[in-house]
Amino acid sequence: MTFPRRGEIYWVNLNPVRGREMSKRRPGLIVSPDEMNEALGTVIVAPITSTVRPWATRHTLTLAGRTLSVALDQIRAIDASRLGRRIAAVNPEPALGILRVMFA
């Protein structure tokens, strides 16, 4: 059985939400370690948005010719059943570097 891996991008169902959380079905970058993803059945995901902001908590990437923003200020732990189809895999290090600064 396969499990999601760090650096992979999946379609993610983020509903239901509260307040200012990102909602709906959108791409999400897996940022949790592979060992956790395999053992727990949950993943930590950073939603991806087409709204690009010059914020220190956002990482810009290009995917399928579109400039997108990984919202590292909106990470959340979700059950792996919220994951849909795998879209792509990217180098997660730039996003992980931002998280290291955020949580240092």
N, C-alpha and C. Protein backbone atom coordinates (compact mmCIF):
# COMPACT_ATOMS: atom_id res chain seq x y z
N MET A 1 0.84 -1.18 0.00
CA MET A 1 0.00 0.00 0.00
C MET A 1 0.89 1.24 0.00
N THR A 2 0.56 2.21 -0.83
CA THR A 2 1.34 3.43 -0.87
C THR A 2 0.75 4.47 0.07
N PHE A 3 1.58 5.39 0.45
CA PHE A 3 1.14 6.47 1.34
C PHE A 3 1.71 7.78 0.79
N PRO A 4 1.11 8.90 1.16
CA PRO A 4 1.61 10.18 0.66
C PRO A 4 3.00 10.47 1.21
N ARG A 5 3.81 11.09 0.38
CA ARG A 5 5.19 11.40 0.76
C ARG A 5 5.42 12.90 0.81
N ARG A 6 6.34 13.30 1.67
CA ARG A 6 6.71 14.71 1.78
C ARG A 6 7.12 15.24 0.41
N GLY A 7 6.59 16.40 0.05
CA GLY A 7 6.91 17.02 -1.22
C GLY A 7 5.90 16.73 -2.32
N GLU A 8 4.98 15.79 -2.07
CA GLU A 8 3.96 15.52 -3.06
C GLU A 8 2.81 16.52 -2.90
N ILE A 9 2.17 16.80 -4.04
CA ILE A 9 1.03 17.70 -4.06
C ILE A 9 -0.19 16.88 -4.43
N TYR A 10 -1.24 16.98 -3.62
CA TYR A 10 -2.49 16.26 -3.82
C TYR A 10 -3.65 17.25 -3.87
N TRP A 11 -4.74 16.84 -4.50
CA TRP A 11 -5.99 17.55 -4.31
C TRP A 11 -6.45 17.23 -2.90
N VAL A 12 -6.85 18.25 -2.14
CA VAL A 12 -7.22 18.08 -0.74
C VAL A 12 -8.60 18.71 -0.50
N ASN A 13 -9.45 17.99 0.19
CA ASN A 13 -10.75 18.53 0.59
C ASN A 13 -10.59 19.15 1.98
N LEU A 14 -10.63 20.47 2.06
CA LEU A 14 -10.40 21.16 3.34
C LEU A 14 -11.69 21.50 4.08
N ASN A 15 -12.84 21.15 3.52
CA ASN A 15 -14.10 21.45 4.21
C ASN A 15 -14.43 20.36 5.21
N PRO A 16 -15.05 20.64 6.33
CA PRO A 16 -15.53 21.94 6.77
C PRO A 16 -14.41 22.77 7.39
N VAL A 17 -14.61 24.06 7.40
CA VAL A 17 -13.63 24.99 7.97
C VAL A 17 -14.32 25.93 8.95
N ARG A 18 -13.50 26.70 9.65
CA ARG A 18 -14.03 27.74 10.56
C ARG A 18 -13.26 29.02 10.32
N GLY A 19 -13.92 30.12 10.51
CA GLY A 19 -13.27 31.42 10.45
C GLY A 19 -12.54 31.68 9.15
N ARG A 20 -11.27 32.03 9.28
CA ARG A 20 -10.46 32.42 8.13
C ARG A 20 -9.62 31.30 7.54
N GLU A 21 -9.92 30.07 7.91
CA GLU A 21 -9.19 28.94 7.33
C GLU A 21 -9.48 28.84 5.84
N MET A 22 -8.50 28.36 5.08
CA MET A 22 -8.73 28.12 3.65
C MET A 22 -9.71 26.98 3.49
N SER A 23 -10.58 27.14 2.51
CA SER A 23 -11.64 26.15 2.34
C SER A 23 -11.59 25.52 0.96
N LYS A 24 -12.54 24.69 0.71
CA LYS A 24 -12.86 24.01 -0.54
C LYS A 24 -11.80 22.97 -0.93
N ARG A 25 -11.94 22.47 -2.12
CA ARG A 25 -11.00 21.49 -2.67
C ARG A 25 -9.91 22.28 -3.38
N ARG A 26 -8.67 22.03 -3.00
CA ARG A 26 -7.55 22.74 -3.59
C ARG A 26 -6.29 21.88 -3.50
N PRO A 27 -5.26 22.23 -4.24
CA PRO A 27 -4.00 21.48 -4.09
C PRO A 27 -3.39 21.73 -2.72
N GLY A 28 -2.68 20.74 -2.22
CA GLY A 28 -1.99 20.88 -0.94
C GLY A 28 -0.66 20.17 -0.99
N LEU A 29 0.35 20.78 -0.40
CA LEU A 29 1.70 20.22 -0.33
C LEU A 29 1.87 19.46 0.97
N ILE A 30 2.27 18.20 0.88
CA ILE A 30 2.53 17.38 2.07
C ILE A 30 3.86 17.84 2.67
N VAL A 31 3.85 18.28 3.94
CA VAL A 31 5.07 18.73 4.61
C VAL A 31 5.47 17.82 5.77
N SER A 32 4.62 16.88 6.14
CA SER A 32 4.95 15.97 7.25
C SER A 32 5.93 14.90 6.78
N PRO A 33 6.72 14.36 7.71
CA PRO A 33 7.71 13.32 7.37
C PRO A 33 7.04 12.03 6.92
N ASP A 34 7.70 11.33 6.01
CA ASP A 34 7.17 10.08 5.47
C ASP A 34 6.84 9.06 6.56
N GLU A 35 7.67 8.99 7.59
CA GLU A 35 7.45 8.02 8.68
C GLU A 35 6.10 8.28 9.36
N MET A 36 5.78 9.55 9.57
CA MET A 36 4.51 9.92 10.18
C MET A 36 3.35 9.59 9.25
N ASN A 37 3.51 9.94 7.98
CA ASN A 37 2.44 9.70 7.00
C ASN A 37 2.09 8.23 6.92
N GLU A 38 3.10 7.38 6.97
CA GLU A 38 2.87 5.93 6.86
C GLU A 38 2.28 5.35 8.14
N ALA A 39 2.76 5.80 9.29
CA ALA A 39 2.37 5.17 10.55
C ALA A 39 1.02 5.66 11.08
N LEU A 40 0.69 6.93 10.90
CA LEU A 40 -0.47 7.50 11.57
C LEU A 40 -1.74 7.58 10.73
N GLY A 41 -1.60 7.62 9.42
CA GLY A 41 -2.79 7.79 8.60
C GLY A 41 -3.26 9.23 8.55
N THR A 42 -2.46 10.13 9.11
CA THR A 42 -2.72 11.56 9.01
C THR A 42 -1.51 12.20 8.35
N VAL A 43 -1.72 13.36 7.75
CA VAL A 43 -0.64 14.10 7.12
C VAL A 43 -0.76 15.57 7.49
N ILE A 44 0.37 16.26 7.46
CA ILE A 44 0.35 17.71 7.63
C ILE A 44 0.48 18.30 6.24
N VAL A 45 -0.48 19.13 5.89
CA VAL A 45 -0.57 19.66 4.53
C VAL A 45 -0.60 21.19 4.57
N ALA A 46 0.02 21.81 3.57
CA ALA A 46 -0.03 23.26 3.39
C ALA A 46 -0.86 23.52 2.14
N PRO A 47 -1.97 24.22 2.28
CA PRO A 47 -2.80 24.50 1.11
C PRO A 47 -2.08 25.36 0.09
N ILE A 48 -2.43 25.19 -1.17
CA ILE A 48 -1.84 25.97 -2.26
C ILE A 48 -2.94 26.84 -2.86
N THR A 49 -2.61 28.11 -3.09
CA THR A 49 -3.57 29.06 -3.62
C THR A 49 -3.00 29.77 -4.85
N SER A 50 -3.89 30.24 -5.69
CA SER A 50 -3.45 31.02 -6.85
C SER A 50 -3.25 32.49 -6.50
N THR A 51 -3.63 32.88 -5.29
CA THR A 51 -3.41 34.24 -4.83
C THR A 51 -2.00 34.33 -4.26
N VAL A 52 -1.12 34.98 -4.99
CA VAL A 52 0.27 35.09 -4.58
C VAL A 52 0.46 36.37 -3.78
N ARG A 53 0.95 36.23 -2.56
CA ARG A 53 1.19 37.36 -1.67
C ARG A 53 2.68 37.38 -1.31
N PRO A 54 3.27 38.56 -1.16
CA PRO A 54 4.70 38.65 -0.81
C PRO A 54 4.93 38.52 0.70
N TRP A 55 4.37 37.51 1.30
CA TRP A 55 4.48 37.32 2.74
C TRP A 55 5.59 36.31 3.05
N ALA A 56 6.23 36.49 4.18
CA ALA A 56 7.32 35.60 4.59
C ALA A 56 6.82 34.18 4.86
N THR A 57 5.53 34.01 5.09
CA THR A 57 4.97 32.69 5.39
C THR A 57 4.44 31.98 4.15
N ARG A 58 4.72 32.54 2.98
CA ARG A 58 4.26 31.95 1.72
C ARG A 58 5.45 31.59 0.85
N HIS A 59 5.36 30.46 0.17
CA HIS A 59 6.39 30.02 -0.76
C HIS A 59 5.77 29.97 -2.16
N THR A 60 6.38 30.68 -3.09
CA THR A 60 5.87 30.71 -4.46
C THR A 60 6.50 29.58 -5.26
N LEU A 61 5.66 28.92 -6.05
CA LEU A 61 6.16 27.87 -6.93
C LEU A 61 5.40 27.92 -8.26
N THR A 62 5.97 27.30 -9.26
CA THR A 62 5.32 27.21 -10.56
C THR A 62 4.94 25.76 -10.80
N LEU A 63 3.68 25.56 -11.14
CA LEU A 63 3.16 24.21 -11.36
C LEU A 63 2.26 24.26 -12.60
N ALA A 64 2.58 23.45 -13.57
CA ALA A 64 1.82 23.40 -14.83
C ALA A 64 1.72 24.79 -15.47
N GLY A 65 2.81 25.54 -15.38
CA GLY A 65 2.85 26.86 -16.01
C GLY A 65 2.17 27.96 -15.23
N ARG A 66 1.63 27.66 -14.05
CA ARG A 66 0.95 28.67 -13.22
C ARG A 66 1.78 28.99 -12.00
N THR A 67 1.82 30.27 -11.64
CA THR A 67 2.49 30.70 -10.42
C THR A 67 1.49 30.58 -9.28
N LEU A 68 1.89 29.84 -8.25
CA LEU A 68 1.03 29.54 -7.12
C LEU A 68 1.75 29.85 -5.82
N SER A 69 1.01 29.87 -4.73
CA SER A 69 1.58 30.17 -3.43
C SER A 69 1.23 29.07 -2.43
N VAL A 70 2.24 28.53 -1.76
CA VAL A 70 2.03 27.55 -0.71
C VAL A 70 1.81 28.33 0.59
N ALA A 71 0.64 28.18 1.18
CA ALA A 71 0.27 28.95 2.38
C ALA A 71 0.74 28.21 3.63
N LEU A 72 1.98 28.45 4.00
CA LEU A 72 2.56 27.76 5.16
C LEU A 72 1.99 28.29 6.48
N ASP A 73 1.32 29.43 6.42
CA ASP A 73 0.63 29.95 7.60
C ASP A 73 -0.74 29.30 7.79
N GLN A 74 -1.10 28.36 6.91
CA GLN A 74 -2.39 27.69 6.99
C GLN A 74 -2.24 26.16 7.10
N ILE A 75 -1.05 25.68 7.54
CA ILE A 75 -0.86 24.23 7.62
C ILE A 75 -1.86 23.61 8.59
N ARG A 76 -2.20 22.37 8.30
CA ARG A 76 -3.08 21.65 9.21
C ARG A 76 -2.88 20.15 9.07
N ALA A 77 -3.16 19.46 10.16
CA ALA A 77 -3.12 17.99 10.14
C ALA A 77 -4.48 17.50 9.69
N ILE A 78 -4.49 16.61 8.71
CA ILE A 78 -5.74 16.06 8.20
C ILE A 78 -5.64 14.55 8.09
N ASP A 79 -6.77 13.90 8.10
CA ASP A 79 -6.81 12.47 7.83
C ASP A 79 -6.48 12.23 6.37
N ALA A 80 -5.74 11.19 6.08
CA ALA A 80 -5.33 10.91 4.71
C ALA A 80 -6.52 10.67 3.78
N SER A 81 -7.69 10.37 4.34
CA SER A 81 -8.88 10.17 3.51
C SER A 81 -9.34 11.46 2.84
N ARG A 82 -8.85 12.61 3.30
CA ARG A 82 -9.18 13.90 2.66
C ARG A 82 -8.37 14.13 1.38
N LEU A 83 -7.37 13.30 1.15
CA LEU A 83 -6.53 13.44 -0.04
C LEU A 83 -7.21 12.83 -1.24
N GLY A 84 -7.14 13.55 -2.34
CA GLY A 84 -7.66 13.03 -3.61
C GLY A 84 -6.51 12.56 -4.48
N ARG A 85 -6.58 12.90 -5.73
CA ARG A 85 -5.58 12.47 -6.71
C ARG A 85 -4.26 13.21 -6.50
N ARG A 86 -3.17 12.49 -6.68
CA ARG A 86 -1.83 13.09 -6.64
C ARG A 86 -1.63 13.91 -7.90
N ILE A 87 -1.13 15.14 -7.73
CA ILE A 87 -0.94 16.05 -8.85
C ILE A 87 0.50 16.04 -9.33
N ALA A 88 1.44 16.16 -8.39
CA ALA A 88 2.86 16.29 -8.75
C ALA A 88 3.70 16.08 -7.50
N ALA A 89 5.00 16.15 -7.69
CA ALA A 89 5.96 16.14 -6.58
C ALA A 89 6.94 17.27 -6.83
N VAL A 90 7.30 17.97 -5.76
CA VAL A 90 8.24 19.08 -5.85
C VAL A 90 9.28 18.93 -4.74
N ASN A 91 10.35 19.69 -4.85
CA ASN A 91 11.35 19.73 -3.79
C ASN A 91 10.73 20.48 -2.61
N PRO A 92 10.56 19.82 -1.46
CA PRO A 92 9.91 20.47 -0.33
C PRO A 92 10.83 21.38 0.48
N GLU A 93 12.13 21.38 0.21
CA GLU A 93 13.08 22.10 1.06
C GLU A 93 12.80 23.61 1.19
N PRO A 94 12.46 24.35 0.12
CA PRO A 94 12.18 25.77 0.34
C PRO A 94 11.03 26.00 1.32
N ALA A 95 9.97 25.22 1.22
CA ALA A 95 8.84 25.35 2.14
C ALA A 95 9.24 24.93 3.55
N LEU A 96 10.01 23.85 3.67
CA LEU A 96 10.44 23.40 4.99
C LEU A 96 11.35 24.42 5.65
N GLY A 97 12.16 25.12 4.85
CA GLY A 97 13.01 26.17 5.40
C GLY A 97 12.19 27.29 6.01
N ILE A 98 11.09 27.66 5.38
CA ILE A 98 10.20 28.69 5.93
C ILE A 98 9.60 28.19 7.23
N LEU A 99 9.16 26.93 7.27
CA LEU A 99 8.59 26.38 8.49
C LEU A 99 9.61 26.36 9.63
N ARG A 100 10.86 26.05 9.30
CA ARG A 100 11.90 26.05 10.34
C ARG A 100 12.05 27.43 10.97
N VAL A 101 12.01 28.47 10.13
CA VAL A 101 12.10 29.84 10.64
C VAL A 101 10.85 30.17 11.47
N MET A 102 9.68 29.79 10.98
CA MET A 102 8.45 30.09 11.67
C MET A 102 8.40 29.46 13.07
N PHE A 103 8.93 28.25 13.19
CA PHE A 103 8.81 27.52 14.45
C PHE A 103 10.12 27.41 15.23
N ALA A 104 11.11 28.19 14.86
CA ALA A 104 12.40 28.16 15.55
C ALA A 104 12.29 28.79 16.92
